[in-house]
């Protein structure tokens, strides 16, 4: 971690992963300030160190008008914004929220962030919660959109982008809704059985994803201990991109750094 504590921006803090990320970011005392941007505030019940939490409501369709301009945005950005096709109502709606909102926010942050005078890259570390199996060439909508979003984030112009690819997410509490019934049954019966049978787990607690993202956010290197993610430099922008697998997410969370 850097000598002085940084501040962090969390986008999508009311989602399953996002809420655990906000909780962990505050409890770890790793940041001087945790700023959340979303359509609604993150519930603060059960959170610690809330004196470091600043919440701002934004309209994702009017980001330039609603994202505060009176102070610089943090240069560590953690994005856990996402939805499902069922929740979005259509494939078009899913793409607009799951990809469009993430990229619009990323581009606005890039525009406002300080730049390296030599490379022109924004001095920003952008961390994105994607999905296991993300592949922009997939025939299926969900992995295709996630894969496209990963590539496009690498083309925005940040110094560093970290991608997290968790497997099936085990959520906290009851997320509710009829569209979640099959997911609940799958998560409670099928996934635990597979976890017992397979050496590498096919699921991960959302809290462990949040913890892993925070650990990487506060590290100056993509390599942390024995965790060595796939890393490359994007030809177009010279952005350093790293991908953390589900197994690596679990390893990071186990270390509890």
C-alpha atoms as a PDB file:
ATOM      1  CA  UNK A   1       0.000   0.000   0.000  1.00  0.00           C
ATOM      2  CA  UNK A   2       1.079   3.573  -0.544  1.00  0.00           C
ATOM      3  CA  UNK A   3       2.594   5.398   2.444  1.00  0.00           C
ATOM      4  CA  UNK A   4      -0.364   7.753   2.804  1.00  0.00           C
ATOM      5  CA  UNK A   5      -3.950   6.556   2.830  1.00  0.00           C
ATOM      6  CA  UNK A   6      -5.861   7.251  -0.393  1.00  0.00           C
ATOM      7  CA  UNK A   7      -9.538   7.995  -0.876  1.00  0.00           C
ATOM      8  CA  UNK A   8     -11.855   5.709  -2.841  1.00  0.00           C
ATOM      9  CA  UNK A   9     -14.894   6.063  -5.073  1.00  0.00           C
ATOM     10  CA  UNK A  10     -17.414   3.210  -5.163  1.00  0.00           C
ATOM     11  CA  UNK A  11     -19.966   3.030  -7.977  1.00  0.00           C
ATOM     12  CA  UNK A  12     -22.783   0.547  -7.434  1.00  0.00           C
ATOM     13  CA  UNK A  13     -22.620   0.464  -3.649  1.00  0.00           C
ATOM     14  CA  UNK A  14     -26.197  -0.753  -3.164  1.00  0.00           C
ATOM     15  CA  UNK A  15     -25.711  -4.013  -5.072  1.00  0.00           C
ATOM     16  CA  UNK A  16     -24.844  -7.387  -3.582  1.00  0.00           C
ATOM     17  CA  UNK A  17     -21.088  -6.974  -4.009  1.00  0.00           C
ATOM     18  CA  UNK A  18     -21.149  -3.205  -3.612  1.00  0.00           C
ATOM     19  CA  UNK A  19     -22.658  -3.208  -0.131  1.00  0.00           C
ATOM     20  CA  UNK A  20     -20.004  -5.596   1.162  1.00  0.00           C
ATOM     21  CA  UNK A  21     -17.315  -3.516  -0.534  1.00  0.00           C
ATOM     22  CA  UNK A  22     -18.487  -0.335   1.202  1.00  0.00           C
ATOM     23  CA  UNK A  23     -18.585  -2.182   4.522  1.00  0.00           C
ATOM     24  CA  UNK A  24     -15.086  -3.606   4.055  1.00  0.00           C
ATOM     25  CA  UNK A  25     -13.610  -0.340   2.780  1.00  0.00           C
ATOM     26  CA  UNK A  26     -14.798   1.435   5.924  1.00  0.00           C
ATOM     27  CA  UNK A  27     -14.005  -1.359   8.401  1.00  0.00           C
ATOM     28  CA  UNK A  28     -10.475  -1.811   7.041  1.00  0.00           C
ATOM     29  CA  UNK A  29      -9.714   1.862   7.687  1.00  0.00           C
ATOM     30  CA  UNK A  30      -7.715   1.762   4.447  1.00  0.00           C
ATOM     31  CA  UNK A  31      -9.107   5.018   3.059  1.00  0.00           C
ATOM     32  CA  UNK A  32      -9.310   8.574   4.334  1.00  0.00           C
ATOM     33  CA  UNK A  33     -12.634   8.970   2.534  1.00  0.00           C
ATOM     34  CA  UNK A  34     -15.067   6.590   0.844  1.00  0.00           C
ATOM     35  CA  UNK A  35     -17.304   8.344  -1.692  1.00  0.00           C
ATOM     36  CA  UNK A  36     -20.297   6.489  -3.118  1.00  0.00           C
ATOM     37  CA  UNK A  37     -22.100   7.558  -6.278  1.00  0.00           C
ATOM     38  CA  UNK A  38     -25.443   5.947  -7.044  1.00  0.00           C
ATOM     39  CA  UNK A  39     -29.118   6.463  -7.634  1.00  0.00           C
ATOM     40  CA  UNK A  40     -29.796   5.928  -3.942  1.00  0.00           C
ATOM     41  CA  UNK A  41     -27.649   5.957  -0.789  1.00  0.00           C
ATOM     42  CA  UNK A  42     -26.112   2.852   0.717  1.00  0.00           C
ATOM     43  CA  UNK A  43     -27.885   1.848   3.970  1.00  0.00           C
ATOM     44  CA  UNK A  44     -25.554   2.672   6.857  1.00  0.00           C
ATOM     45  CA  UNK A  45     -26.944   0.228   9.426  1.00  0.00           C
ATOM     46  CA  UNK A  46     -24.127  -2.040  10.586  1.00  0.00           C
ATOM     47  CA  UNK A  47     -21.370   0.051   8.999  1.00  0.00           C
ATOM     48  CA  UNK A  48     -18.356   1.236  10.994  1.00  0.00           C
ATOM     49  CA  UNK A  49     -16.200   4.351  10.598  1.00  0.00           C
ATOM     50  CA  UNK A  50     -19.067   6.112   8.839  1.00  0.00           C
ATOM     51  CA  UNK A  51     -17.400   9.464   9.512  1.00  0.00           C
ATOM     52  CA  UNK A  52     -15.276   8.605   6.457  1.00  0.00           C
ATOM     53  CA  UNK A  53     -18.332   7.899   4.267  1.00  0.00           C
ATOM     54  CA  UNK A  54     -19.663  10.501   1.819  1.00  0.00           C
ATOM     55  CA  UNK A  55     -22.702   9.631  -0.302  1.00  0.00           C
ATOM     56  CA  UNK A  56     -23.889  11.468  -3.405  1.00  0.00           C
ATOM     57  CA  UNK A  57     -26.945  10.702  -5.523  1.00  0.00           C
ATOM     58  CA  UNK A  58     -26.476  10.809  -9.288  1.00  0.00           C
ATOM     59  CA  UNK A  59     -28.555  10.319 -12.426  1.00  0.00           C
ATOM     60  CA  UNK A  60     -26.676   7.848 -14.612  1.00  0.00           C
ATOM     61  CA  UNK A  61     -28.368   9.307 -17.677  1.00  0.00           C
ATOM     62  CA  UNK A  62     -27.086  12.791 -16.762  1.00  0.00           C
ATOM     63  CA  UNK A  63     -23.722  12.122 -15.151  1.00  0.00           C
ATOM     64  CA  UNK A  64     -21.994  15.328 -16.177  1.00  0.00           C
ATOM     65  CA  UNK A  65     -24.797  17.336 -14.580  1.00  0.00           C
ATOM     66  CA  UNK A  66     -25.143  15.325 -11.369  1.00  0.00           C
ATOM     67  CA  UNK A  67     -21.637  14.105 -10.451  1.00  0.00           C
ATOM     68  CA  UNK A  68     -20.178  16.731  -8.064  1.00  0.00           C
ATOM     69  CA  UNK A  69     -17.687  19.143  -9.619  1.00  0.00           C
ATOM     70  CA  UNK A  70     -16.759  21.077  -6.485  1.00  0.00           C
ATOM     71  CA  UNK A  71     -13.927  18.715  -5.477  1.00  0.00           C
ATOM     72  CA  UNK A  72     -11.621  16.216  -7.227  1.00  0.00           C
ATOM     73  CA  UNK A  73     -12.863  12.646  -7.538  1.00  0.00           C
ATOM     74  CA  UNK A  74     -10.774   9.893  -5.901  1.00  0.00           C
ATOM     75  CA  UNK A  75      -8.243   8.216  -8.177  1.00  0.00           C
ATOM     76  CA  UNK A  76      -9.118   4.749  -6.874  1.00  0.00           C
ATOM     77  CA  UNK A  77     -12.447   3.773  -8.422  1.00  0.00           C
ATOM     78  CA  UNK A  78     -14.261   0.520  -7.657  1.00  0.00           C
ATOM     79  CA  UNK A  79     -17.209  -0.308  -9.916  1.00  0.00           C
ATOM     80  CA  UNK A  80     -19.673  -3.013  -8.909  1.00  0.00           C
ATOM     81  CA  UNK A  81     -22.601  -1.669 -10.895  1.00  0.00           C
ATOM     82  CA  UNK A  82     -24.618  -4.355 -12.633  1.00  0.00           C
ATOM     83  CA  UNK A  83     -28.035  -5.858 -13.260  1.00  0.00           C
ATOM     84  CA  UNK A  84     -29.725  -8.827 -14.934  1.00  0.00           C
ATOM     85  CA  UNK A  85     -31.723  -9.005 -18.144  1.00  0.00           C
ATOM     86  CA  UNK A  86     -34.827  -9.832 -16.111  1.00  0.00           C
ATOM     87  CA  UNK A  87     -34.383  -6.770 -13.900  1.00  0.00           C
ATOM     88  CA  UNK A  88     -33.576  -4.508 -16.866  1.00  0.00           C
ATOM     89  CA  UNK A  89     -36.607  -5.727 -18.812  1.00  0.00           C
ATOM     90  CA  UNK A  90     -34.826  -6.322 -22.121  1.00  0.00           C
ATOM     91  CA  UNK A  91     -31.462  -7.059 -23.703  1.00  0.00           C
ATOM     92  CA  UNK A  92     -31.170  -3.407 -24.684  1.00  0.00           C
ATOM     93  CA  UNK A  93     -31.942  -2.269 -21.144  1.00  0.00           C
ATOM     94  CA  UNK A  94     -29.425  -4.710 -19.717  1.00  0.00           C
ATOM     95  CA  UNK A  95     -26.673  -3.451 -22.019  1.00  0.00           C
ATOM     96  CA  UNK A  96     -27.505   0.183 -21.269  1.00  0.00           C
ATOM     97  CA  UNK A  97     -27.193  -0.331 -17.493  1.00  0.00           C
ATOM     98  CA  UNK A  98     -24.570  -3.056 -17.196  1.00  0.00           C
ATOM     99  CA  UNK A  99     -22.229  -1.624 -19.820  1.00  0.00           C
ATOM    100  CA  UNK A 100     -23.355   1.881 -20.740  1.00  0.00           C
ATOM    101  CA  UNK A 101     -23.522   3.246 -17.209  1.00  0.00           C
ATOM    102  CA  UNK A 102     -20.150   1.738 -16.276  1.00  0.00           C
ATOM    103  CA  UNK A 103     -18.410   3.140 -19.357  1.00  0.00           C
ATOM    104  CA  UNK A 104     -20.088   6.545 -19.083  1.00  0.00           C
ATOM    105  CA  UNK A 105     -18.879   6.845 -15.493  1.00  0.00           C
ATOM    106  CA  UNK A 106     -15.390   5.650 -16.446  1.00  0.00           C
ATOM    107  CA  UNK A 107     -15.099   8.196 -19.257  1.00  0.00           C
ATOM    108  CA  UNK A 108     -16.286  11.051 -17.049  1.00  0.00           C
ATOM    109  CA  UNK A 109     -13.736  10.104 -14.380  1.00  0.00           C
ATOM    110  CA  UNK A 110     -11.029   9.962 -17.047  1.00  0.00           C
ATOM    111  CA  UNK A 111     -11.945  13.441 -18.302  1.00  0.00           C
ATOM    112  CA  UNK A 112     -11.770  14.968 -14.823  1.00  0.00           C
ATOM    113  CA  UNK A 113      -8.757  13.075 -13.474  1.00  0.00           C
ATOM    114  CA  UNK A 114      -5.179  14.408 -13.395  1.00  0.00           C
ATOM    115  CA  UNK A 115      -3.087  13.187 -16.330  1.00  0.00           C
ATOM    116  CA  UNK A 116       0.464  11.926 -16.582  1.00  0.00           C
ATOM    117  CA  UNK A 117       2.261  14.628 -18.614  1.00  0.00           C
ATOM    118  CA  UNK A 118       4.272  12.062 -20.580  1.00  0.00           C
ATOM    119  CA  UNK A 119       1.728   9.336 -21.329  1.00  0.00           C
ATOM    120  CA  UNK A 120      -1.500  11.329 -21.143  1.00  0.00           C
ATOM    121  CA  UNK A 121      -3.031   8.528 -19.085  1.00  0.00           C
ATOM    122  CA  UNK A 122      -5.346   9.381 -16.206  1.00  0.00           C
ATOM    123  CA  UNK A 123      -3.717   8.747 -12.837  1.00  0.00           C
ATOM    124  CA  UNK A 124      -6.555   6.408 -11.934  1.00  0.00           C
ATOM    125  CA  UNK A 125      -6.755   2.787 -10.824  1.00  0.00           C
ATOM    126  CA  UNK A 126     -10.145   1.533 -12.036  1.00  0.00           C
ATOM    127  CA  UNK A 127     -11.352  -1.763 -10.537  1.00  0.00           C
ATOM    128  CA  UNK A 128     -14.313  -3.515 -12.159  1.00  0.00           C
ATOM    129  CA  UNK A 129     -16.353  -6.478 -10.929  1.00  0.00           C
ATOM    130  CA  UNK A 130     -17.003  -8.488 -14.082  1.00  0.00           C
ATOM    131  CA  UNK A 131     -17.963 -12.161 -14.175  1.00  0.00           C
ATOM    132  CA  UNK A 132     -16.402 -15.572 -14.589  1.00  0.00           C
ATOM    133  CA  UNK A 133     -16.681 -16.625 -18.212  1.00  0.00           C
ATOM    134  CA  UNK A 134     -16.712 -13.056 -19.527  1.00  0.00           C
ATOM    135  CA  UNK A 135     -16.069 -13.244 -23.274  1.00  0.00           C
ATOM    136  CA  UNK A 136     -16.976 -10.577 -25.797  1.00  0.00           C
ATOM    137  CA  UNK A 137     -17.228 -13.242 -28.520  1.00  0.00           C
ATOM    138  CA  UNK A 138     -19.793 -15.300 -26.608  1.00  0.00           C
ATOM    139  CA  UNK A 139     -23.183 -16.033 -28.191  1.00  0.00           C
ATOM    140  CA  UNK A 140     -24.787 -15.348 -24.826  1.00  0.00           C
ATOM    141  CA  UNK A 141     -25.672 -11.809 -23.797  1.00  0.00           C
ATOM    142  CA  UNK A 142     -24.337 -11.716 -20.232  1.00  0.00           C
ATOM    143  CA  UNK A 143     -20.747 -12.928 -20.808  1.00  0.00           C
ATOM    144  CA  UNK A 144     -20.605 -11.031 -24.102  1.00  0.00           C
ATOM    145  CA  UNK A 145     -21.479  -7.703 -22.480  1.00  0.00           C
ATOM    146  CA  UNK A 146     -19.076  -8.300 -19.597  1.00  0.00           C
ATOM    147  CA  UNK A 147     -16.254  -9.162 -21.994  1.00  0.00           C
ATOM    148  CA  UNK A 148     -16.906  -6.108 -24.150  1.00  0.00           C
ATOM    149  CA  UNK A 149     -16.977  -3.888 -21.088  1.00  0.00           C
ATOM    150  CA  UNK A 150     -13.616  -5.224 -19.932  1.00  0.00           C
ATOM    151  CA  UNK A 151     -11.994  -4.429 -23.278  1.00  0.00           C
ATOM    152  CA  UNK A 152     -13.559  -0.983 -23.531  1.00  0.00           C
ATOM    153  CA  UNK A 153     -12.414  -0.065 -20.010  1.00  0.00           C
ATOM    154  CA  UNK A 154      -8.880  -0.796 -21.141  1.00  0.00           C
ATOM    155  CA  UNK A 155      -9.325   1.745 -23.930  1.00  0.00           C
ATOM    156  CA  UNK A 156     -10.578   4.631 -21.750  1.00  0.00           C
ATOM    157  CA  UNK A 157      -7.105   5.858 -20.826  1.00  0.00           C
ATOM    158  CA  UNK A 158      -6.487   4.910 -17.188  1.00  0.00           C
ATOM    159  CA  UNK A 159      -3.018   4.041 -15.894  1.00  0.00           C
ATOM    160  CA  UNK A 160      -4.309   0.808 -14.390  1.00  0.00           C
ATOM    161  CA  UNK A 161      -7.422  -1.344 -14.711  1.00  0.00           C
ATOM    162  CA  UNK A 162      -8.094  -4.403 -12.529  1.00  0.00           C
ATOM    163  CA  UNK A 163     -10.792  -6.865 -13.553  1.00  0.00           C
ATOM    164  CA  UNK A 164     -12.394  -9.345 -11.143  1.00  0.00           C
ATOM    165  CA  UNK A 165     -14.080 -12.438 -12.523  1.00  0.00           C
ATOM    166  CA  UNK A 166     -15.997 -14.097  -9.687  1.00  0.00           C
ATOM    167  CA  UNK A 167     -17.921 -17.323 -10.230  1.00  0.00           C
ATOM    168  CA  UNK A 168     -21.465 -17.815  -8.930  1.00  0.00           C
ATOM    169  CA  UNK A 169     -22.075 -15.134  -6.301  1.00  0.00           C
ATOM    170  CA  UNK A 170     -23.358 -16.261  -2.913  1.00  0.00           C
ATOM    171  CA  UNK A 171     -25.268 -13.268  -1.616  1.00  0.00           C
ATOM    172  CA  UNK A 172     -26.115 -12.142   1.896  1.00  0.00           C
ATOM    173  CA  UNK A 173     -29.741 -12.211   3.001  1.00  0.00           C
ATOM    174  CA  UNK A 174     -32.736 -12.446   0.677  1.00  0.00           C
ATOM    175  CA  UNK A 175     -32.498 -10.515  -2.576  1.00  0.00           C
ATOM    176  CA  UNK A 176     -36.158 -11.225  -3.311  1.00  0.00           C
ATOM    177  CA  UNK A 177     -38.183 -11.190  -6.512  1.00  0.00           C
ATOM    178  CA  UNK A 178     -39.619 -14.009  -8.632  1.00  0.00           C
ATOM    179  CA  UNK A 179     -36.736 -13.773 -11.126  1.00  0.00           C
ATOM    180  CA  UNK A 180     -34.398 -14.838  -8.326  1.00  0.00           C
ATOM    181  CA  UNK A 181     -36.212 -18.073  -7.353  1.00  0.00           C
ATOM    182  CA  UNK A 182     -34.291 -20.333  -9.736  1.00  0.00           C
ATOM    183  CA  UNK A 183     -31.068 -18.590  -8.785  1.00  0.00           C
ATOM    184  CA  UNK A 184     -31.772 -19.212  -5.092  1.00  0.00           C
ATOM    185  CA  UNK A 185     -32.459 -22.920  -5.638  1.00  0.00           C
ATOM    186  CA  UNK A 186     -29.340 -23.269  -7.794  1.00  0.00           C
ATOM    187  CA  UNK A 187     -27.247 -21.444  -5.206  1.00  0.00           C
ATOM    188  CA  UNK A 188     -28.544 -23.382  -2.205  1.00  0.00           C
ATOM    189  CA  UNK A 189     -28.518 -26.890  -3.659  1.00  0.00           C
ATOM    190  CA  UNK A 190     -26.446 -27.299  -6.817  1.00  0.00           C
ATOM    191  CA  UNK A 191     -23.530 -24.931  -6.126  1.00  0.00           C
ATOM    192  CA  UNK A 192     -22.686 -26.236  -2.611  1.00  0.00           C
ATOM    193  CA  UNK A 193     -22.644 -29.786  -4.007  1.00  0.00           C
ATOM    194  CA  UNK A 194     -20.263 -28.761  -6.784  1.00  0.00           C
ATOM    195  CA  UNK A 195     -18.055 -26.907  -4.301  1.00  0.00           C
ATOM    196  CA  UNK A 196     -17.688 -30.121  -2.295  1.00  0.00           C
ATOM    197  CA  UNK A 197     -16.862 -32.186  -5.360  1.00  0.00           C
ATOM    198  CA  UNK A 198     -14.460 -29.808  -7.049  1.00  0.00           C
ATOM    199  CA  UNK A 199     -11.041 -28.679  -5.837  1.00  0.00           C
ATOM    200  CA  UNK A 200     -11.583 -25.105  -7.030  1.00  0.00           C
ATOM    201  CA  UNK A 201     -14.839 -23.614  -5.847  1.00  0.00           C
ATOM    202  CA  UNK A 202     -17.430 -22.622  -8.422  1.00  0.00           C
ATOM    203  CA  UNK A 203     -18.918 -20.031  -6.090  1.00  0.00           C
ATOM    204  CA  UNK A 204     -17.745 -17.166  -3.920  1.00  0.00           C
ATOM    205  CA  UNK A 205     -19.276 -15.107  -1.128  1.00  0.00           C
ATOM    206  CA  UNK A 206     -19.946 -11.526  -2.197  1.00  0.00           C
ATOM    207  CA  UNK A 207     -18.082 -10.350   0.918  1.00  0.00           C
ATOM    208  CA  UNK A 208     -14.933 -12.084  -0.320  1.00  0.00           C
ATOM    209  CA  UNK A 209     -15.205 -10.332  -3.681  1.00  0.00           C
ATOM    210  CA  UNK A 210     -15.503  -6.979  -1.920  1.00  0.00           C
ATOM    211  CA  UNK A 211     -12.522  -7.760   0.295  1.00  0.00           C
ATOM    212  CA  UNK A 212     -10.396  -8.847  -2.672  1.00  0.00           C
ATOM    213  CA  UNK A 213     -11.228  -5.664  -4.563  1.00  0.00           C
ATOM    214  CA  UNK A 214     -10.240  -3.537  -1.574  1.00  0.00           C
ATOM    215  CA  UNK A 215      -6.957  -5.425  -1.158  1.00  0.00           C
ATOM    216  CA  UNK A 216      -6.007  -4.918  -4.809  1.00  0.00           C
ATOM    217  CA  UNK A 217      -7.125  -1.279  -4.672  1.00  0.00           C
ATOM    218  CA  UNK A 218      -4.641  -0.564  -1.895  1.00  0.00           C
ATOM    219  CA  UNK A 219      -1.730  -2.385  -3.523  1.00  0.00           C
ATOM    220  CA  UNK A 220       0.760  -0.640  -5.795  1.00  0.00           C
ATOM    221  CA  UNK A 221       1.375  -3.886  -7.692  1.00  0.00           C
ATOM    222  CA  UNK A 222      -1.030  -6.317  -9.387  1.00  0.00           C
ATOM    223  CA  UNK A 223       0.963  -9.151  -7.812  1.00  0.00           C
ATOM    224  CA  UNK A 224       0.052  -9.664  -4.160  1.00  0.00           C
ATOM    225  CA  UNK A 225       1.863 -12.456  -2.342  1.00  0.00           C
ATOM    226  CA  UNK A 226       1.358 -15.670  -4.302  1.00  0.00           C
ATOM    227  CA  UNK A 227      -1.486 -14.166  -6.338  1.00  0.00           C
ATOM    228  CA  UNK A 228      -0.170 -13.376  -9.808  1.00  0.00           C
ATOM    229  CA  UNK A 229      -2.995 -12.316 -12.132  1.00  0.00           C
ATOM    230  CA  UNK A 230      -2.818 -12.360 -15.911  1.00  0.00           C
ATOM    231  CA  UNK A 231      -1.517  -8.888 -16.771  1.00  0.00           C
ATOM    232  CA  UNK A 232      -0.920  -7.090 -20.055  1.00  0.00           C
ATOM    233  CA  UNK A 233      -0.348  -3.591 -21.399  1.00  0.00           C
ATOM    234  CA  UNK A 234      -3.041  -2.457 -23.841  1.00  0.00           C
ATOM    235  CA  UNK A 235      -1.416  -1.539 -27.168  1.00  0.00           C
ATOM    236  CA  UNK A 236      -3.840   1.288 -27.901  1.00  0.00           C
ATOM    237  CA  UNK A 237      -3.594   3.147 -24.590  1.00  0.00           C
ATOM    238  CA  UNK A 238      -0.647   1.606 -22.695  1.00  0.00           C
ATOM    239  CA  UNK A 239      -3.005   0.915 -19.803  1.00  0.00           C
ATOM    240  CA  UNK A 240      -1.892  -1.913 -17.500  1.00  0.00           C
ATOM    241  CA  UNK A 241      -4.735  -4.433 -17.210  1.00  0.00           C
ATOM    242  CA  UNK A 242      -4.943  -7.351 -14.770  1.00  0.00           C
ATOM    243  CA  UNK A 243      -7.534 -10.125 -14.463  1.00  0.00           C
ATOM    244  CA  UNK A 244      -8.246 -11.879 -11.149  1.00  0.00           C
ATOM    245  CA  UNK A 245      -9.895 -15.297 -11.374  1.00  0.00           C
ATOM    246  CA  UNK A 246     -12.349 -16.730  -8.876  1.00  0.00           C
ATOM    247  CA  UNK A 247      -9.570 -18.835  -7.331  1.00  0.00           C
ATOM    248  CA  UNK A 248      -7.392 -15.743  -6.936  1.00  0.00           C
ATOM    249  CA  UNK A 249     -10.267 -13.789  -5.397  1.00  0.00           C
ATOM    250  CA  UNK A 250     -10.660 -16.550  -2.811  1.00  0.00           C
ATOM    251  CA  UNK A 251      -6.910 -16.569  -2.162  1.00  0.00           C
ATOM    252  CA  UNK A 252      -6.830 -12.810  -1.595  1.00  0.00           C
ATOM    253  CA  UNK A 253      -9.804 -12.929   0.764  1.00  0.00           C
ATOM    254  CA  UNK A 254      -8.216 -15.789   2.707  1.00  0.00           C
ATOM    255  CA  UNK A 255      -5.117 -13.668   3.321  1.00  0.00           C
ATOM    256  CA  UNK A 256      -7.277 -10.975   4.998  1.00  0.00           C
ATOM    257  CA  UNK A 257      -4.740  -8.243   4.304  1.00  0.00           C
END
